[in-house]
């Protein structure tokens, strides 16, 4: 999962913006694997030079640096780079909440949201199974609908637990 790190409002671009603003590569360097560090440092130095030429040059150089940082970040995670995506208007709610939890050092709102979302999803899938449980054995279409619903419910739970166990 890329955590939308390929977006203009993603973590990598935000770190790259801060690196340029502070003229310190160390703000974005942690997002890139060590083996790609030299390429990012070179892009950073070139960007700083080009930024001095003009406002248009700075804008173009910054974008190129953002692309380079995101591409190297994704490459290090084994994810293909397909270009920078525009920022979300309001951001991904879970990422916004996670970021707020980190900033406030308080996990309560985030945990309540996650647990409530999971509870609602599990209950909805469970209710769907129960609503189809009383099918006529001679109605194969209804029986298939029940089996699909049941397997969907079981598969969802299995995937959820596997994801949690894998970390």
N, C-alpha and C. Protein backbone atom coordinates (compact mmCIF):
# COMPACT_ATOMS: atom_id res chain seq x y z
N UNK A 1 0.85 -1.17 0.00
CA UNK A 1 0.00 0.00 0.00
C UNK A 1 0.89 1.23 0.00
N UNK A 2 0.59 2.17 -0.87
CA UNK A 2 1.42 3.35 -1.03
C UNK A 2 1.04 4.50 -0.12
N UNK A 3 -0.04 4.39 0.60
CA UNK A 3 -0.52 5.46 1.47
C UNK A 3 -0.63 6.78 0.74
N UNK A 4 -0.95 6.69 -0.53
CA UNK A 4 -1.11 7.87 -1.37
C UNK A 4 0.13 8.76 -1.33
N UNK A 5 1.29 8.12 -1.19
CA UNK A 5 2.54 8.88 -1.18
C UNK A 5 2.85 9.46 -2.54
N UNK A 6 2.05 9.12 -3.55
CA UNK A 6 2.27 9.66 -4.89
C UNK A 6 1.40 10.89 -5.14
N UNK A 7 0.82 11.46 -4.09
CA UNK A 7 -0.03 12.63 -4.24
C UNK A 7 0.72 13.89 -3.79
N UNK A 8 0.29 14.99 -4.34
CA UNK A 8 0.93 16.28 -4.02
C UNK A 8 0.77 16.66 -2.54
N UNK A 9 -0.22 16.10 -1.87
CA UNK A 9 -0.38 16.38 -0.45
C UNK A 9 0.04 15.18 0.40
N UNK A 10 0.76 14.25 -0.20
CA UNK A 10 1.22 13.06 0.51
C UNK A 10 2.42 13.35 1.41
N UNK A 11 2.76 12.38 2.21
CA UNK A 11 3.85 12.55 3.17
C UNK A 11 5.19 12.85 2.52
N UNK A 12 5.47 12.20 1.40
CA UNK A 12 6.77 12.39 0.76
C UNK A 12 6.90 13.80 0.19
N UNK A 13 5.88 14.27 -0.51
CA UNK A 13 5.94 15.62 -1.08
C UNK A 13 5.99 16.66 0.04
N UNK A 14 5.24 16.45 1.09
CA UNK A 14 5.28 17.40 2.22
C UNK A 14 6.69 17.47 2.81
N UNK A 15 7.32 16.31 2.95
CA UNK A 15 8.69 16.28 3.47
C UNK A 15 9.66 16.94 2.49
N UNK A 16 9.45 16.72 1.19
CA UNK A 16 10.30 17.33 0.17
C UNK A 16 10.14 18.86 0.16
N UNK A 17 8.90 19.32 0.34
CA UNK A 17 8.66 20.76 0.42
C UNK A 17 9.41 21.36 1.61
N UNK A 18 9.34 20.67 2.73
CA UNK A 18 10.02 21.17 3.93
C UNK A 18 11.54 21.15 3.73
N UNK A 19 12.04 20.11 3.07
CA UNK A 19 13.48 20.03 2.80
C UNK A 19 13.93 21.23 1.96
N UNK A 20 13.15 21.57 0.94
CA UNK A 20 13.50 22.72 0.10
C UNK A 20 13.38 24.04 0.88
N UNK A 21 12.32 24.16 1.65
CA UNK A 21 12.11 25.38 2.42
C UNK A 21 13.24 25.60 3.42
N UNK A 22 13.66 24.53 4.07
CA UNK A 22 14.71 24.62 5.09
C UNK A 22 16.11 24.44 4.50
N UNK A 23 16.15 24.12 3.19
CA UNK A 23 17.41 23.80 2.51
C UNK A 23 18.19 22.74 3.27
N UNK A 24 17.45 21.67 3.63
CA UNK A 24 18.02 20.57 4.40
C UNK A 24 17.41 19.26 3.90
N UNK A 25 18.19 18.49 3.18
CA UNK A 25 17.74 17.22 2.59
C UNK A 25 17.25 16.23 3.63
N UNK A 26 17.69 16.38 4.86
CA UNK A 26 17.35 15.41 5.90
C UNK A 26 15.86 15.34 6.23
N UNK A 27 15.08 16.34 5.80
CA UNK A 27 13.64 16.28 6.03
C UNK A 27 12.97 15.22 5.16
N UNK A 28 13.52 14.95 3.99
CA UNK A 28 12.92 13.98 3.07
C UNK A 28 13.74 12.69 2.96
N UNK A 29 15.00 12.74 3.31
CA UNK A 29 15.87 11.58 3.16
C UNK A 29 15.37 10.31 3.83
N UNK A 30 14.73 10.37 5.00
CA UNK A 30 14.23 9.14 5.62
C UNK A 30 13.19 8.38 4.81
N UNK A 31 12.57 9.04 3.83
CA UNK A 31 11.56 8.38 3.00
C UNK A 31 12.17 7.55 1.87
N UNK A 32 13.48 7.64 1.71
CA UNK A 32 14.16 6.97 0.60
C UNK A 32 15.17 5.97 1.15
N UNK A 33 15.17 4.78 0.57
CA UNK A 33 16.13 3.75 0.98
C UNK A 33 17.56 4.25 0.75
N UNK A 34 18.46 3.77 1.57
CA UNK A 34 19.86 4.22 1.53
C UNK A 34 20.48 4.07 0.14
N UNK A 35 20.12 3.02 -0.58
CA UNK A 35 20.75 2.81 -1.89
C UNK A 35 20.33 3.84 -2.93
N UNK A 36 19.27 4.62 -2.66
CA UNK A 36 18.82 5.68 -3.57
C UNK A 36 19.17 7.07 -3.03
N UNK A 37 19.86 7.12 -1.93
CA UNK A 37 20.16 8.37 -1.24
C UNK A 37 20.97 9.32 -2.13
N UNK A 38 21.99 8.82 -2.81
CA UNK A 38 22.83 9.70 -3.64
C UNK A 38 22.04 10.33 -4.77
N UNK A 39 21.12 9.58 -5.37
CA UNK A 39 20.31 10.13 -6.45
C UNK A 39 19.41 11.26 -5.93
N UNK A 40 18.86 11.07 -4.75
CA UNK A 40 18.00 12.11 -4.18
C UNK A 40 18.83 13.34 -3.80
N UNK A 41 20.00 13.12 -3.23
CA UNK A 41 20.87 14.24 -2.85
C UNK A 41 21.27 15.05 -4.09
N UNK A 42 21.59 14.36 -5.18
CA UNK A 42 21.94 15.04 -6.42
C UNK A 42 20.76 15.87 -6.93
N UNK A 43 19.57 15.29 -6.92
CA UNK A 43 18.38 16.01 -7.36
C UNK A 43 18.13 17.23 -6.47
N UNK A 44 18.36 17.08 -5.19
CA UNK A 44 18.16 18.18 -4.24
C UNK A 44 19.12 19.34 -4.55
N UNK A 45 20.39 19.02 -4.73
CA UNK A 45 21.38 20.05 -5.02
C UNK A 45 21.07 20.77 -6.34
N UNK A 46 20.69 20.01 -7.35
CA UNK A 46 20.35 20.62 -8.64
C UNK A 46 19.12 21.52 -8.50
N UNK A 47 18.16 21.06 -7.74
CA UNK A 47 16.93 21.84 -7.53
C UNK A 47 17.24 23.16 -6.84
N UNK A 48 18.08 23.12 -5.83
CA UNK A 48 18.43 24.36 -5.13
C UNK A 48 19.10 25.37 -6.07
N UNK A 49 19.94 24.89 -6.98
CA UNK A 49 20.60 25.77 -7.94
C UNK A 49 19.58 26.38 -8.90
N UNK A 50 18.72 25.54 -9.47
CA UNK A 50 17.75 26.00 -10.47
C UNK A 50 16.71 26.93 -9.85
N UNK A 51 16.38 26.72 -8.59
CA UNK A 51 15.38 27.56 -7.92
C UNK A 51 15.80 29.03 -7.91
N UNK A 52 17.08 29.30 -7.96
CA UNK A 52 17.59 30.67 -7.91
C UNK A 52 17.40 31.42 -9.22
N UNK A 53 17.12 30.71 -10.31
CA UNK A 53 17.05 31.34 -11.63
C UNK A 53 15.83 32.23 -11.82
N UNK A 54 14.65 31.72 -11.44
CA UNK A 54 13.41 32.50 -11.58
C UNK A 54 12.28 31.77 -10.86
N UNK A 55 11.16 32.44 -10.74
CA UNK A 55 9.99 31.82 -10.12
C UNK A 55 9.50 30.63 -10.90
N UNK A 56 9.45 30.75 -12.24
CA UNK A 56 9.02 29.63 -13.08
C UNK A 56 10.01 28.47 -12.98
N UNK A 57 11.29 28.80 -12.98
CA UNK A 57 12.31 27.76 -12.87
C UNK A 57 12.20 27.04 -11.52
N UNK A 58 11.93 27.81 -10.48
CA UNK A 58 11.79 27.23 -9.15
C UNK A 58 10.60 26.28 -9.10
N UNK A 59 9.50 26.71 -9.71
CA UNK A 59 8.29 25.87 -9.71
C UNK A 59 8.55 24.55 -10.44
N UNK A 60 9.20 24.63 -11.59
CA UNK A 60 9.51 23.43 -12.36
C UNK A 60 10.51 22.54 -11.62
N UNK A 61 11.53 23.15 -11.06
CA UNK A 61 12.55 22.39 -10.33
C UNK A 61 11.94 21.70 -9.10
N UNK A 62 11.09 22.41 -8.39
CA UNK A 62 10.45 21.82 -7.22
C UNK A 62 9.63 20.59 -7.61
N UNK A 63 8.84 20.73 -8.67
CA UNK A 63 8.00 19.62 -9.12
C UNK A 63 8.88 18.43 -9.51
N UNK A 64 9.97 18.69 -10.21
CA UNK A 64 10.89 17.62 -10.59
C UNK A 64 11.47 16.95 -9.34
N UNK A 65 11.81 17.73 -8.35
CA UNK A 65 12.35 17.16 -7.11
C UNK A 65 11.28 16.32 -6.40
N UNK A 66 10.04 16.80 -6.37
CA UNK A 66 8.96 16.03 -5.76
C UNK A 66 8.79 14.68 -6.48
N UNK A 67 8.80 14.75 -7.82
CA UNK A 67 8.68 13.52 -8.60
C UNK A 67 9.83 12.55 -8.28
N UNK A 68 11.02 13.07 -8.20
CA UNK A 68 12.19 12.24 -7.92
C UNK A 68 12.07 11.61 -6.54
N UNK A 69 11.70 12.39 -5.55
CA UNK A 69 11.56 11.88 -4.18
C UNK A 69 10.49 10.79 -4.11
N UNK A 70 9.35 11.04 -4.73
CA UNK A 70 8.25 10.07 -4.71
C UNK A 70 8.66 8.80 -5.47
N UNK A 71 9.26 8.97 -6.63
CA UNK A 71 9.68 7.82 -7.44
C UNK A 71 10.66 6.94 -6.66
N UNK A 72 11.64 7.56 -6.02
CA UNK A 72 12.64 6.79 -5.26
C UNK A 72 12.01 6.16 -4.01
N UNK A 73 11.10 6.87 -3.38
CA UNK A 73 10.40 6.31 -2.22
C UNK A 73 9.63 5.05 -2.62
N UNK A 74 8.85 5.16 -3.68
CA UNK A 74 8.04 4.03 -4.12
C UNK A 74 8.93 2.89 -4.61
N UNK A 75 9.99 3.21 -5.31
CA UNK A 75 10.93 2.19 -5.80
C UNK A 75 11.49 1.39 -4.62
N UNK A 76 11.81 2.07 -3.56
CA UNK A 76 12.33 1.40 -2.36
C UNK A 76 11.31 0.49 -1.69
N UNK A 77 10.04 0.74 -1.95
CA UNK A 77 8.98 -0.09 -1.38
C UNK A 77 8.45 -1.11 -2.38
N UNK A 78 9.09 -1.17 -3.56
CA UNK A 78 8.68 -2.14 -4.58
C UNK A 78 7.39 -1.77 -5.29
N UNK A 79 7.08 -0.48 -5.35
CA UNK A 79 5.84 -0.01 -5.96
C UNK A 79 6.20 0.81 -7.20
N UNK A 80 5.51 0.54 -8.29
CA UNK A 80 5.76 1.27 -9.53
C UNK A 80 5.34 2.73 -9.40
N UNK A 81 6.14 3.59 -9.99
CA UNK A 81 5.83 5.02 -10.02
C UNK A 81 5.05 5.32 -11.29
N UNK A 82 3.91 5.93 -11.14
CA UNK A 82 3.06 6.25 -12.30
C UNK A 82 2.80 7.75 -12.40
N UNK A 83 3.62 8.54 -11.74
CA UNK A 83 3.47 9.99 -11.80
C UNK A 83 2.83 10.55 -10.54
N UNK A 84 3.03 11.84 -10.34
CA UNK A 84 2.43 12.52 -9.19
C UNK A 84 0.94 12.74 -9.44
N UNK A 85 0.16 12.50 -8.44
CA UNK A 85 -1.30 12.70 -8.52
C UNK A 85 -1.64 14.01 -7.81
N UNK A 86 -2.74 14.62 -8.19
CA UNK A 86 -3.15 15.85 -7.50
C UNK A 86 -3.51 15.58 -6.04
N UNK A 87 -3.51 16.63 -5.27
CA UNK A 87 -3.88 16.52 -3.86
C UNK A 87 -5.36 16.22 -3.74
N UNK A 88 -5.71 15.49 -2.69
CA UNK A 88 -7.13 15.33 -2.37
C UNK A 88 -7.64 16.66 -1.86
N UNK A 89 -8.91 16.92 -2.08
CA UNK A 89 -9.48 18.19 -1.60
C UNK A 89 -9.43 18.24 -0.08
N UNK A 90 -9.88 17.20 0.57
CA UNK A 90 -9.90 17.17 2.03
C UNK A 90 -8.98 16.10 2.61
N UNK A 91 -8.27 15.37 1.78
CA UNK A 91 -7.40 14.32 2.27
C UNK A 91 -8.18 13.06 2.61
N UNK A 92 -7.48 11.96 2.68
CA UNK A 92 -8.08 10.69 3.10
C UNK A 92 -8.43 10.82 4.58
N UNK A 93 -9.66 10.60 4.96
CA UNK A 93 -10.05 10.79 6.36
C UNK A 93 -9.16 10.01 7.35
N UNK A 94 -8.84 8.77 7.03
CA UNK A 94 -8.06 7.98 7.98
C UNK A 94 -6.64 8.52 8.11
N UNK A 95 -6.07 9.01 7.01
CA UNK A 95 -4.72 9.56 7.07
C UNK A 95 -4.73 10.89 7.81
N UNK A 96 -5.73 11.71 7.56
CA UNK A 96 -5.87 12.97 8.29
C UNK A 96 -6.00 12.69 9.79
N UNK A 97 -6.83 11.71 10.14
CA UNK A 97 -7.01 11.37 11.56
C UNK A 97 -5.74 10.79 12.16
N UNK A 98 -5.03 9.94 11.40
CA UNK A 98 -3.78 9.35 11.90
C UNK A 98 -2.74 10.44 12.13
N UNK A 99 -2.66 11.37 11.19
CA UNK A 99 -1.72 12.48 11.34
C UNK A 99 -2.05 13.32 12.57
N UNK A 100 -3.34 13.58 12.77
CA UNK A 100 -3.77 14.34 13.94
C UNK A 100 -3.44 13.59 15.24
N UNK A 101 -3.62 12.27 15.23
CA UNK A 101 -3.29 11.46 16.41
C UNK A 101 -1.81 11.57 16.75
N UNK A 102 -0.97 11.52 15.71
CA UNK A 102 0.47 11.63 15.94
C UNK A 102 0.81 13.01 16.49
N UNK A 103 0.24 14.05 15.88
CA UNK A 103 0.52 15.43 16.33
C UNK A 103 0.05 15.67 17.76
N UNK A 104 -1.13 15.14 18.09
CA UNK A 104 -1.68 15.38 19.42
C UNK A 104 -1.21 14.35 20.45
N UNK A 105 -0.53 13.31 19.94
CA UNK A 105 -0.08 12.20 20.79
C UNK A 105 -1.25 11.57 21.53
N UNK A 106 -2.40 11.53 20.85
CA UNK A 106 -3.61 10.96 21.44
C UNK A 106 -4.29 10.08 20.39
N UNK A 107 -4.45 8.81 20.73
CA UNK A 107 -4.97 7.82 19.81
C UNK A 107 -6.49 7.61 19.92
N UNK A 108 -7.13 8.23 20.89
CA UNK A 108 -8.53 7.93 21.20
C UNK A 108 -9.48 8.12 20.01
N UNK A 109 -9.47 9.29 19.38
CA UNK A 109 -10.40 9.54 18.27
C UNK A 109 -10.16 8.58 17.11
N UNK A 110 -8.89 8.34 16.80
CA UNK A 110 -8.55 7.42 15.71
C UNK A 110 -9.02 6.01 16.02
N UNK A 111 -8.77 5.54 17.23
CA UNK A 111 -9.19 4.18 17.61
C UNK A 111 -10.70 4.06 17.60
N UNK A 112 -11.39 5.04 18.11
CA UNK A 112 -12.85 5.00 18.10
C UNK A 112 -13.39 4.93 16.68
N UNK A 113 -12.79 5.71 15.77
CA UNK A 113 -13.21 5.69 14.37
C UNK A 113 -12.97 4.32 13.74
N UNK A 114 -11.78 3.78 13.95
CA UNK A 114 -11.44 2.47 13.36
C UNK A 114 -12.34 1.38 13.91
N UNK A 115 -12.47 1.31 15.22
CA UNK A 115 -13.28 0.26 15.82
C UNK A 115 -14.75 0.38 15.42
N UNK A 116 -15.25 1.60 15.36
CA UNK A 116 -16.63 1.82 14.94
C UNK A 116 -16.82 1.40 13.48
N UNK A 117 -15.86 1.75 12.62
CA UNK A 117 -15.95 1.38 11.20
C UNK A 117 -15.93 -0.13 11.02
N UNK A 118 -15.04 -0.80 11.72
CA UNK A 118 -14.95 -2.26 11.62
C UNK A 118 -16.24 -2.89 12.15
N UNK A 119 -16.72 -2.42 13.29
CA UNK A 119 -17.95 -2.95 13.87
C UNK A 119 -19.11 -2.81 12.89
N UNK A 120 -19.27 -1.63 12.30
CA UNK A 120 -20.36 -1.40 11.35
C UNK A 120 -20.25 -2.32 10.13
N UNK A 121 -19.03 -2.50 9.64
CA UNK A 121 -18.82 -3.33 8.46
C UNK A 121 -19.10 -4.80 8.77
N UNK A 122 -18.58 -5.29 9.88
CA UNK A 122 -18.82 -6.69 10.27
C UNK A 122 -20.31 -6.92 10.51
N UNK A 123 -20.96 -6.01 11.21
CA UNK A 123 -22.39 -6.16 11.48
C UNK A 123 -23.20 -6.15 10.19
N UNK A 124 -22.86 -5.28 9.25
CA UNK A 124 -23.60 -5.22 7.98
C UNK A 124 -23.44 -6.52 7.20
N UNK A 125 -22.23 -7.05 7.16
CA UNK A 125 -22.00 -8.31 6.44
C UNK A 125 -22.71 -9.48 7.15
N UNK A 126 -22.68 -9.45 8.46
CA UNK A 126 -23.36 -10.49 9.25
C UNK A 126 -24.87 -10.42 9.03
N UNK A 127 -25.42 -9.22 9.08
CA UNK A 127 -26.86 -9.04 8.85
C UNK A 127 -27.26 -9.50 7.45
N UNK A 128 -26.38 -9.26 6.48
CA UNK A 128 -26.65 -9.69 5.11
C UNK A 128 -26.74 -11.22 5.05
N UNK A 129 -25.83 -11.90 5.74
CA UNK A 129 -25.87 -13.37 5.78
C UNK A 129 -27.17 -13.84 6.43
N UNK A 130 -27.49 -13.27 7.59
CA UNK A 130 -28.70 -13.68 8.30
C UNK A 130 -29.96 -13.43 7.49
N UNK A 131 -29.98 -12.34 6.73
CA UNK A 131 -31.17 -12.02 5.94
C UNK A 131 -31.39 -13.02 4.82
N UNK A 132 -30.36 -13.76 4.45
CA UNK A 132 -30.46 -14.72 3.34
C UNK A 132 -30.43 -16.16 3.84
N UNK A 133 -30.35 -16.32 5.16
CA UNK A 133 -30.19 -17.63 5.79
C UNK A 133 -31.41 -18.53 5.61
N UNK A 134 -32.57 -17.97 5.49
CA UNK A 134 -33.82 -18.75 5.45
C UNK A 134 -34.27 -18.98 4.01
N UNK A 135 -33.35 -19.46 3.17
CA UNK A 135 -33.67 -19.68 1.76
C UNK A 135 -34.32 -21.05 1.58
N UNK A 136 -35.07 -21.19 0.51
CA UNK A 136 -35.67 -22.47 0.13
C UNK A 136 -34.60 -23.29 -0.57
N UNK A 137 -34.33 -24.47 -0.07
CA UNK A 137 -33.28 -25.33 -0.63
C UNK A 137 -33.52 -25.62 -2.11
N UNK A 138 -34.76 -25.54 -2.56
CA UNK A 138 -35.08 -25.80 -3.96
C UNK A 138 -34.93 -24.56 -4.84
N UNK A 139 -34.65 -23.43 -4.23
CA UNK A 139 -34.41 -22.20 -4.98
C UNK A 139 -32.90 -21.99 -5.04
N UNK A 140 -32.30 -22.51 -6.09
CA UNK A 140 -30.84 -22.52 -6.21
C UNK A 140 -30.28 -21.10 -6.29
N UNK A 141 -31.00 -20.19 -6.93
CA UNK A 141 -30.52 -18.81 -7.01
C UNK A 141 -30.41 -18.18 -5.62
N UNK A 142 -31.44 -18.37 -4.78
CA UNK A 142 -31.39 -17.85 -3.41
C UNK A 142 -30.30 -18.54 -2.60
N UNK A 143 -30.15 -19.86 -2.81
CA UNK A 143 -29.11 -20.60 -2.09
C UNK A 143 -27.72 -20.07 -2.47
N UNK A 144 -27.53 -19.81 -3.74
CA UNK A 144 -26.24 -19.26 -4.20
C UNK A 144 -26.01 -17.87 -3.61
N UNK A 145 -27.05 -17.08 -3.55
CA UNK A 145 -26.95 -15.75 -2.97
C UNK A 145 -26.52 -15.85 -1.51
N UNK A 146 -27.11 -16.80 -0.78
CA UNK A 146 -26.75 -17.02 0.62
C UNK A 146 -25.29 -17.45 0.74
N UNK A 147 -24.89 -18.41 -0.08
CA UNK A 147 -23.52 -18.92 -0.03
C UNK A 147 -22.53 -17.80 -0.36
N UNK A 148 -22.83 -17.01 -1.38
CA UNK A 148 -21.96 -15.88 -1.73
C UNK A 148 -21.83 -14.90 -0.57
N UNK A 149 -22.94 -14.59 0.06
CA UNK A 149 -22.94 -13.68 1.19
C UNK A 149 -22.14 -14.24 2.35
N UNK A 150 -22.34 -15.53 2.65
CA UNK A 150 -21.63 -16.18 3.75
C UNK A 150 -20.13 -16.22 3.47
N UNK A 151 -19.75 -16.61 2.24
CA UNK A 151 -18.33 -16.68 1.90
C UNK A 151 -17.68 -15.30 1.90
N UNK A 152 -18.42 -14.30 1.47
CA UNK A 152 -17.94 -12.93 1.52
C UNK A 152 -17.66 -12.51 2.97
N UNK A 153 -18.57 -12.85 3.85
CA UNK A 153 -18.43 -12.53 5.28
C UNK A 153 -17.21 -13.23 5.87
N UNK A 154 -17.08 -14.53 5.62
CA UNK A 154 -15.95 -15.30 6.15
C UNK A 154 -14.62 -14.80 5.56
N UNK A 155 -14.62 -14.53 4.26
CA UNK A 155 -13.40 -14.06 3.60
C UNK A 155 -12.97 -12.70 4.15
N UNK A 156 -13.94 -11.83 4.35
CA UNK A 156 -13.65 -10.51 4.91
C UNK A 156 -12.98 -10.65 6.29
N UNK A 157 -13.56 -11.48 7.14
CA UNK A 157 -13.01 -11.68 8.48
C UNK A 157 -11.61 -12.29 8.42
N UNK A 158 -11.44 -13.27 7.55
CA UNK A 158 -10.14 -13.92 7.42
C UNK A 158 -9.09 -12.91 6.93
N UNK A 159 -9.44 -12.12 5.95
CA UNK A 159 -8.51 -11.11 5.43
C UNK A 159 -8.18 -10.08 6.49
N UNK A 160 -9.18 -9.65 7.23
CA UNK A 160 -8.97 -8.68 8.29
C UNK A 160 -7.99 -9.20 9.33
N UNK A 161 -8.18 -10.43 9.77
CA UNK A 161 -7.29 -11.02 10.79
C UNK A 161 -5.90 -11.23 10.21
N UNK A 162 -5.81 -11.72 8.98
CA UNK A 162 -4.49 -11.91 8.37
C UNK A 162 -3.73 -10.60 8.27
N UNK A 163 -4.44 -9.55 7.87
CA UNK A 163 -3.80 -8.23 7.77
C UNK A 163 -3.28 -7.78 9.13
N UNK A 164 -4.07 -7.97 10.18
CA UNK A 164 -3.65 -7.56 11.51
C UNK A 164 -2.47 -8.39 11.99
N UNK A 165 -2.47 -9.69 11.68
CA UNK A 165 -1.36 -10.55 12.10
C UNK A 165 -0.06 -10.23 11.37
N UNK A 166 -0.17 -9.84 10.10
CA UNK A 166 1.02 -9.53 9.31
C UNK A 166 1.61 -8.19 9.72
N UNK A 167 0.78 -7.32 10.24
CA UNK A 167 1.26 -6.01 10.66
C UNK A 167 1.46 -5.16 9.48
